[in-house]
Amino acid sequence: MTAEKKMSAKADQLKGAVKETLGRAVGNERMTAEGRAERAMGDMREAGHKAQDALKR
C-alpha cells in the first residue's frame, strides 16, 4: 500500500471517529451515523489495500 493511500484511509477513519464522537456529544443521531459510516469506509479501504499487499508477496 502506498503511503498516500494509507494516509487517506487513516484520515477517513479519524474524520469518521471525530464526527461520530461529536454527534454523540450533541445528541445528533444523523451525525453519529455518518461518522460511523465514514470510519467503516476507511477501515474497508485499509483492509482492501492490506489484502492487495499480501497477495503481491
Protein backbone atom coordinates (compact mmCIF):
# COMPACT_ATOMS: atom_id res chain seq x y z
CA MET A 1 0.00 0.00 0.00
CA THR A 2 1.39 3.35 -0.91
CA ALA A 3 1.88 5.84 1.87
CA GLU A 4 -0.57 8.26 0.25
CA LYS A 5 -3.38 5.70 0.15
CA LYS A 6 -2.64 4.61 3.69
CA MET A 7 -2.81 8.20 4.92
CA SER A 8 -6.07 8.74 3.06
CA ALA A 9 -7.67 5.68 4.67
CA LYS A 10 -6.40 6.72 8.11
CA ALA A 11 -7.73 10.26 7.55
CA ASP A 12 -11.19 8.84 6.76
CA GLN A 13 -11.05 6.72 9.91
CA LEU A 14 -10.06 9.69 12.04
CA LYS A 15 -12.61 12.05 10.48
CA GLY A 16 -15.35 9.47 10.99
CA ALA A 17 -14.38 8.86 14.60
CA VAL A 18 -14.39 12.58 15.36
CA LYS A 19 -17.75 13.08 13.67
CA GLU A 20 -19.23 10.08 15.49
CA THR A 21 -17.99 11.31 18.87
CA LEU A 22 -19.20 14.85 18.22
CA GLY A 23 -22.60 13.55 17.14
CA ARG A 24 -22.91 11.58 20.35
CA ALA A 25 -21.86 14.58 22.43
CA VAL A 26 -24.51 16.87 20.95
CA GLY A 27 -27.15 14.16 20.63
CA ASN A 28 -27.29 14.24 16.82
CA GLU A 29 -28.04 10.70 15.63
CA ARG A 30 -27.55 11.57 11.96
CA MET A 31 -24.04 12.90 12.55
CA THR A 32 -23.23 9.85 14.64
CA ALA A 33 -24.37 7.54 11.84
CA GLU A 34 -22.43 9.49 9.20
CA GLY A 35 -19.29 9.29 11.32
CA ARG A 36 -19.72 5.57 11.82
CA ALA A 37 -20.14 5.10 8.06
CA GLU A 38 -17.04 7.18 7.24
CA ARG A 39 -14.97 5.25 9.74
CA ALA A 40 -16.20 1.95 8.31
CA MET A 41 -15.29 3.07 4.78
CA GLY A 42 -11.78 3.93 5.93
CA ASP A 43 -11.49 0.54 7.62
CA MET A 44 -12.65 -1.27 4.49
CA ARG A 45 -10.25 0.68 2.24
CA GLU A 46 -7.35 -0.09 4.54
CA ALA A 47 -8.25 -3.78 4.68
CA GLY A 48 -8.51 -3.92 0.89
CA HIS A 49 -5.10 -2.37 0.44
CA LYS A 50 -3.59 -4.72 3.01
CA ALA A 51 -5.03 -7.69 1.15
CA GLN A 52 -3.56 -6.44 -2.12
CA ASP A 53 -0.17 -6.07 -0.44
CA ALA A 54 -0.39 -9.59 0.95
CA LEU A 55 -1.15 -11.03 -2.49
CA LYS A 56 1.84 -9.25 -4.05
CA ARG A 57 4.25 -11.07 -1.74
